[in-house]
Amino acid sequence: MSAARPGGRRCHRRLGGDALTKEANKLRPAIVVDDGLLFDPDWLRVLVVPLTEDTDLAFRGLSLAIDPSPENGFTKRCFALAPLVTAASGKRMRGTPSRVTDQQLRRVRLQIAKAAGAI
C-alpha cells in the first residue's frame, strides 16, 4: 500500500472500532515512520506518529515543529508527537500530497528513541 511507505509520507490514520466514540473514528493526520516490516506481512500494520496544530499538546524536546512550505505541501504549522507513536492498520491509511523531508523523518525517529529511553 503506497500510503504506508515510510520516507516522509504524511498520511491520515483512523483508529477505533465500534466500541469507541465517534471522535475516535475521525481521520487523523500522521507521519508513517515504519512501513510495517516489524510486523507479520499478513497483519498489515504501520508505525505512525500523530500530527497536531495544538502547541499545548506538543511535548517540549520530543515534538518536531513542521512549518508549511511549497516543498512539503503543509498548509499550517504542525507538530509531530513522537512520544505518541502507535501501530495503525495500513488498511485505514489515506495518502496525501504532503511530505516531510528525510531529515525531518530522521529527527522524528530519534525523538521516538529518546521518548522510549533508548538513548
N, C-alpha and C. Protein backbone atom coordinates (compact mmCIF):
# COMPACT_ATOMS: atom_id res chain seq x y z
N MET A 1 0.84 -1.16 0.00
CA MET A 1 0.00 0.00 0.00
C MET A 1 0.89 1.23 0.00
N SER A 2 0.82 2.05 -1.02
CA SER A 2 1.74 3.16 -1.17
C SER A 2 1.61 4.18 -0.06
N ALA A 3 0.44 4.37 0.52
CA ALA A 3 0.28 5.36 1.58
C ALA A 3 0.97 4.94 2.86
N ALA A 4 1.41 3.71 2.94
CA ALA A 4 2.01 3.20 4.16
C ALA A 4 3.53 3.12 4.10
N ARG A 5 4.12 3.64 3.06
CA ARG A 5 5.58 3.61 2.96
C ARG A 5 6.19 4.71 3.81
N PRO A 6 7.32 4.40 4.48
CA PRO A 6 7.98 5.46 5.23
C PRO A 6 8.75 6.36 4.28
N GLY A 7 9.53 7.24 4.83
CA GLY A 7 10.31 8.12 3.99
C GLY A 7 9.67 9.49 3.91
N GLY A 8 8.87 9.80 4.88
CA GLY A 8 8.32 11.13 4.94
C GLY A 8 6.92 11.25 4.42
N ARG A 9 6.29 10.17 4.08
CA ARG A 9 4.94 10.27 3.58
C ARG A 9 3.99 10.61 4.71
N ARG A 10 3.25 11.66 4.54
CA ARG A 10 2.24 12.01 5.53
C ARG A 10 0.97 11.29 5.12
N CYS A 11 0.28 10.77 6.07
CA CYS A 11 -0.95 10.06 5.77
C CYS A 11 -1.98 10.40 6.82
N HIS A 12 -3.17 9.96 6.57
CA HIS A 12 -4.19 10.06 7.60
C HIS A 12 -4.38 8.68 8.17
N ARG A 13 -4.61 8.62 9.45
CA ARG A 13 -4.86 7.33 10.08
C ARG A 13 -6.20 7.40 10.76
N ARG A 14 -6.86 6.31 10.83
CA ARG A 14 -8.12 6.23 11.53
C ARG A 14 -8.00 5.06 12.50
N LEU A 15 -8.12 5.38 13.75
CA LEU A 15 -8.07 4.35 14.78
C LEU A 15 -9.45 4.22 15.38
N GLY A 16 -9.76 3.07 15.89
CA GLY A 16 -11.03 2.91 16.59
C GLY A 16 -11.82 1.74 16.08
N GLY A 17 -12.91 1.53 16.67
CA GLY A 17 -13.80 0.45 16.33
C GLY A 17 -15.19 0.77 16.82
N ASP A 18 -16.06 -0.21 16.78
CA ASP A 18 -17.45 0.02 17.16
C ASP A 18 -17.61 0.46 18.61
N ALA A 19 -16.72 0.02 19.49
CA ALA A 19 -16.86 0.31 20.91
C ALA A 19 -16.37 1.71 21.28
N LEU A 20 -15.72 2.40 20.36
CA LEU A 20 -15.16 3.71 20.67
C LEU A 20 -16.11 4.81 20.24
N THR A 21 -15.87 5.99 20.75
CA THR A 21 -16.72 7.13 20.42
C THR A 21 -16.53 7.53 18.96
N LYS A 22 -17.46 8.33 18.49
CA LYS A 22 -17.37 8.82 17.11
C LYS A 22 -16.08 9.62 16.90
N GLU A 23 -15.67 10.39 17.91
CA GLU A 23 -14.43 11.18 17.82
C GLU A 23 -13.23 10.29 17.53
N ALA A 24 -13.17 9.11 18.14
CA ALA A 24 -12.02 8.22 17.95
C ALA A 24 -11.93 7.69 16.53
N ASN A 25 -13.01 7.73 15.78
CA ASN A 25 -13.02 7.20 14.42
C ASN A 25 -12.74 8.25 13.35
N LYS A 26 -12.45 9.48 13.76
CA LYS A 26 -12.12 10.52 12.79
C LYS A 26 -10.78 10.23 12.13
N LEU A 27 -10.65 10.68 10.89
CA LEU A 27 -9.35 10.60 10.24
C LEU A 27 -8.42 11.59 10.91
N ARG A 28 -7.19 11.16 11.15
CA ARG A 28 -6.20 12.00 11.83
C ARG A 28 -4.92 12.04 11.00
N PRO A 29 -4.29 13.20 10.92
CA PRO A 29 -3.02 13.26 10.18
C PRO A 29 -1.90 12.61 10.99
N ALA A 30 -0.99 11.97 10.28
CA ALA A 30 0.14 11.30 10.92
C ALA A 30 1.27 11.16 9.92
N ILE A 31 2.46 10.87 10.44
CA ILE A 31 3.62 10.58 9.61
C ILE A 31 3.92 9.09 9.76
N VAL A 32 4.03 8.41 8.66
CA VAL A 32 4.42 6.99 8.69
C VAL A 32 5.91 6.94 8.96
N VAL A 33 6.30 6.28 10.05
CA VAL A 33 7.72 6.19 10.41
C VAL A 33 8.29 4.80 10.19
N ASP A 34 7.44 3.82 9.93
CA ASP A 34 7.87 2.46 9.60
C ASP A 34 6.78 1.83 8.77
N ASP A 35 7.16 1.11 7.72
CA ASP A 35 6.17 0.57 6.79
C ASP A 35 5.64 -0.80 7.16
N GLY A 36 5.83 -1.22 8.40
CA GLY A 36 5.26 -2.49 8.82
C GLY A 36 6.21 -3.65 8.76
N LEU A 37 7.49 -3.41 8.50
CA LEU A 37 8.44 -4.52 8.44
C LEU A 37 8.62 -5.19 9.79
N LEU A 38 8.20 -4.51 10.86
CA LEU A 38 8.27 -5.11 12.20
C LEU A 38 7.19 -6.15 12.43
N PHE A 39 6.17 -6.14 11.60
CA PHE A 39 5.00 -6.98 11.82
C PHE A 39 4.90 -8.08 10.77
N ASP A 40 4.16 -9.10 11.09
CA ASP A 40 3.87 -10.19 10.15
C ASP A 40 3.22 -9.59 8.90
N PRO A 41 3.62 -10.00 7.70
CA PRO A 41 3.06 -9.43 6.47
C PRO A 41 1.55 -9.58 6.35
N ASP A 42 0.99 -10.62 6.97
CA ASP A 42 -0.45 -10.82 6.91
C ASP A 42 -1.20 -9.88 7.83
N TRP A 43 -0.48 -9.24 8.72
CA TRP A 43 -1.09 -8.33 9.68
C TRP A 43 -0.65 -6.92 9.31
N LEU A 44 -1.33 -6.31 8.37
CA LEU A 44 -0.92 -5.03 7.79
C LEU A 44 -0.99 -3.92 8.83
N ARG A 45 0.15 -3.63 9.45
CA ARG A 45 0.27 -2.58 10.45
C ARG A 45 1.46 -1.70 10.09
N VAL A 46 1.34 -0.43 10.40
CA VAL A 46 2.44 0.51 10.21
C VAL A 46 2.58 1.35 11.47
N LEU A 47 3.79 1.82 11.72
CA LEU A 47 4.01 2.71 12.86
C LEU A 47 3.84 4.15 12.38
N VAL A 48 3.02 4.90 13.12
CA VAL A 48 2.75 6.28 12.76
C VAL A 48 2.92 7.19 13.97
N VAL A 49 3.28 8.44 13.69
CA VAL A 49 3.38 9.48 14.70
C VAL A 49 2.30 10.51 14.37
N PRO A 50 1.41 10.79 15.30
CA PRO A 50 0.34 11.75 15.02
C PRO A 50 0.86 13.18 14.88
N LEU A 51 0.12 13.96 14.13
CA LEU A 51 0.41 15.38 13.94
C LEU A 51 -0.70 16.20 14.60
N THR A 52 -0.33 17.35 15.14
CA THR A 52 -1.31 18.26 15.71
C THR A 52 -0.91 19.69 15.42
N GLU A 53 -1.90 20.57 15.39
CA GLU A 53 -1.64 22.01 15.26
C GLU A 53 -1.60 22.66 16.64
N ASP A 54 -2.02 21.95 17.67
CA ASP A 54 -2.16 22.47 19.03
C ASP A 54 -0.80 22.51 19.74
N THR A 55 -0.28 23.71 19.97
CA THR A 55 1.02 23.85 20.64
C THR A 55 0.99 23.32 22.07
N ASP A 56 -0.18 23.32 22.70
CA ASP A 56 -0.29 22.81 24.07
C ASP A 56 -0.08 21.29 24.14
N LEU A 57 -0.27 20.60 23.03
CA LEU A 57 -0.09 19.14 23.00
C LEU A 57 1.33 18.73 22.63
N ALA A 58 2.13 19.68 22.16
CA ALA A 58 3.49 19.37 21.73
C ALA A 58 4.39 19.18 22.95
N PHE A 59 5.04 18.03 23.01
CA PHE A 59 5.96 17.71 24.10
C PHE A 59 7.28 18.45 23.87
N ARG A 60 7.69 19.25 24.83
CA ARG A 60 8.94 20.01 24.69
C ARG A 60 10.12 19.05 24.50
N GLY A 61 10.89 19.26 23.45
CA GLY A 61 12.06 18.45 23.17
C GLY A 61 11.76 17.11 22.50
N LEU A 62 10.49 16.74 22.42
CA LEU A 62 10.13 15.45 21.82
C LEU A 62 9.11 15.59 20.70
N SER A 63 8.84 16.82 20.29
CA SER A 63 7.93 17.06 19.19
C SER A 63 8.64 17.90 18.14
N LEU A 64 8.46 17.55 16.90
CA LEU A 64 9.10 18.27 15.81
C LEU A 64 8.11 19.25 15.20
N ALA A 65 8.45 20.54 15.22
CA ALA A 65 7.63 21.55 14.56
C ALA A 65 7.88 21.48 13.05
N ILE A 66 6.81 21.45 12.28
CA ILE A 66 6.91 21.40 10.83
C ILE A 66 6.17 22.61 10.28
N ASP A 67 6.92 23.51 9.69
CA ASP A 67 6.34 24.72 9.11
C ASP A 67 5.95 24.46 7.67
N PRO A 68 4.88 25.10 7.21
CA PRO A 68 4.45 24.89 5.82
C PRO A 68 5.46 25.46 4.83
N SER A 69 5.59 24.77 3.72
CA SER A 69 6.46 25.23 2.63
C SER A 69 5.95 24.64 1.33
N PRO A 70 6.38 25.20 0.22
CA PRO A 70 5.98 24.63 -1.08
C PRO A 70 6.49 23.19 -1.25
N GLU A 71 7.65 22.89 -0.64
CA GLU A 71 8.23 21.56 -0.78
C GLU A 71 7.44 20.48 -0.02
N ASN A 72 6.93 20.82 1.17
CA ASN A 72 6.26 19.78 1.95
C ASN A 72 4.75 19.75 1.76
N GLY A 73 4.16 20.80 1.25
CA GLY A 73 2.74 20.79 0.98
C GLY A 73 1.85 21.03 2.20
N PHE A 74 2.43 21.25 3.37
CA PHE A 74 1.64 21.53 4.56
C PHE A 74 1.04 22.93 4.42
N THR A 75 -0.15 23.13 4.96
CA THR A 75 -0.81 24.43 4.88
C THR A 75 -0.75 25.20 6.19
N LYS A 76 -0.45 24.50 7.30
CA LYS A 76 -0.36 25.12 8.62
C LYS A 76 0.81 24.52 9.38
N ARG A 77 1.33 25.27 10.36
CA ARG A 77 2.37 24.72 11.22
C ARG A 77 1.77 23.59 12.05
N CYS A 78 2.49 22.50 12.14
CA CYS A 78 2.03 21.38 12.96
C CYS A 78 3.21 20.77 13.69
N PHE A 79 2.89 19.88 14.60
CA PHE A 79 3.89 19.24 15.44
C PHE A 79 3.74 17.72 15.34
N ALA A 80 4.86 17.03 15.11
CA ALA A 80 4.88 15.57 15.13
C ALA A 80 5.08 15.14 16.58
N LEU A 81 4.15 14.38 17.12
CA LEU A 81 4.15 13.98 18.54
C LEU A 81 4.81 12.62 18.70
N ALA A 82 6.14 12.60 18.67
CA ALA A 82 6.91 11.36 18.70
C ALA A 82 6.58 10.45 19.89
N PRO A 83 6.33 10.96 21.11
CA PRO A 83 6.02 10.06 22.22
C PRO A 83 4.70 9.29 22.04
N LEU A 84 3.87 9.73 21.10
CA LEU A 84 2.59 9.07 20.88
C LEU A 84 2.61 8.13 19.69
N VAL A 85 3.80 7.66 19.32
CA VAL A 85 3.92 6.70 18.22
C VAL A 85 3.01 5.51 18.49
N THR A 86 2.38 5.01 17.44
CA THR A 86 1.44 3.91 17.61
C THR A 86 1.41 3.05 16.34
N ALA A 87 0.94 1.83 16.49
CA ALA A 87 0.74 0.96 15.32
C ALA A 87 -0.70 1.17 14.85
N ALA A 88 -0.86 1.35 13.56
CA ALA A 88 -2.18 1.57 12.99
C ALA A 88 -2.37 0.63 11.81
N SER A 89 -3.61 0.35 11.49
CA SER A 89 -3.92 -0.51 10.37
C SER A 89 -3.57 0.17 9.06
N GLY A 90 -2.78 -0.51 8.25
CA GLY A 90 -2.44 0.02 6.94
C GLY A 90 -3.65 0.12 6.03
N LYS A 91 -4.69 -0.66 6.32
CA LYS A 91 -5.91 -0.62 5.51
C LYS A 91 -6.67 0.68 5.69
N ARG A 92 -6.39 1.39 6.78
CA ARG A 92 -7.12 2.63 7.06
C ARG A 92 -6.33 3.86 6.64
N MET A 93 -5.21 3.69 5.98
CA MET A 93 -4.38 4.81 5.58
C MET A 93 -4.93 5.46 4.32
N ARG A 94 -4.80 6.76 4.28
CA ARG A 94 -5.15 7.55 3.10
C ARG A 94 -3.98 8.46 2.83
N GLY A 95 -3.39 8.34 1.67
CA GLY A 95 -2.26 9.17 1.33
C GLY A 95 -2.65 10.62 1.10
N THR A 96 -1.71 11.51 1.26
CA THR A 96 -1.92 12.93 0.97
C THR A 96 -0.72 13.42 0.18
N PRO A 97 -0.83 14.58 -0.43
CA PRO A 97 0.32 15.11 -1.17
C PRO A 97 1.39 15.69 -0.25
N SER A 98 1.12 15.84 1.03
CA SER A 98 2.08 16.43 1.96
C SER A 98 3.20 15.44 2.28
N ARG A 99 4.38 15.97 2.53
CA ARG A 99 5.55 15.15 2.82
C ARG A 99 6.41 15.82 3.87
N VAL A 100 7.18 15.03 4.61
CA VAL A 100 8.25 15.59 5.43
C VAL A 100 9.56 15.21 4.76
N THR A 101 10.61 15.95 5.06
CA THR A 101 11.91 15.66 4.45
C THR A 101 12.54 14.44 5.12
N ASP A 102 13.55 13.89 4.49
CA ASP A 102 14.27 12.77 5.09
C ASP A 102 14.89 13.19 6.41
N GLN A 103 15.40 14.42 6.48
CA GLN A 103 15.99 14.91 7.73
C GLN A 103 14.92 15.00 8.83
N GLN A 104 13.74 15.49 8.50
CA GLN A 104 12.66 15.56 9.50
C GLN A 104 12.25 14.17 9.96
N LEU A 105 12.19 13.22 9.03
CA LEU A 105 11.85 11.85 9.40
C LEU A 105 12.89 11.27 10.35
N ARG A 106 14.17 11.51 10.07
CA ARG A 106 15.23 11.04 10.97
C ARG A 106 15.08 11.66 12.36
N ARG A 107 14.74 12.95 12.41
CA ARG A 107 14.57 13.63 13.71
C ARG A 107 13.39 13.05 14.48
N VAL A 108 12.30 12.75 13.79
CA VAL A 108 11.13 12.15 14.46
C VAL A 108 11.51 10.78 15.01
N ARG A 109 12.23 9.98 14.21
CA ARG A 109 12.65 8.65 14.68
C ARG A 109 13.58 8.77 15.89
N LEU A 110 14.46 9.75 15.89
CA LEU A 110 15.35 9.99 17.02
C LEU A 110 14.54 10.37 18.26
N GLN A 111 13.53 11.19 18.08
CA GLN A 111 12.67 11.60 19.19
C GLN A 111 11.89 10.41 19.75
N ILE A 112 11.50 9.49 18.89
CA ILE A 112 10.82 8.27 19.35
C ILE A 112 11.77 7.48 20.25
N ALA A 113 13.02 7.33 19.81
CA ALA A 113 14.01 6.59 20.61
C ALA A 113 14.25 7.27 21.95
N LYS A 114 14.32 8.61 21.96
CA LYS A 114 14.50 9.34 23.21
C LYS A 114 13.31 9.14 24.14
N ALA A 115 12.10 9.21 23.58
CA ALA A 115 10.90 9.05 24.41
C ALA A 115 10.81 7.65 24.99
N ALA A 116 11.35 6.66 24.28
CA ALA A 116 11.33 5.28 24.76
C ALA A 116 12.49 4.98 25.71
N GLY A 117 13.38 5.95 25.88
CA GLY A 117 14.52 5.75 26.78
C GLY A 117 15.65 4.96 26.16
N ALA A 118 15.62 4.82 24.83
CA ALA A 118 16.67 4.05 24.15
C ALA A 118 17.96 4.84 24.02
N ILE A 119 17.89 6.15 24.10
CA ILE A 119 19.10 6.99 24.03
C ILE A 119 18.99 8.14 25.02
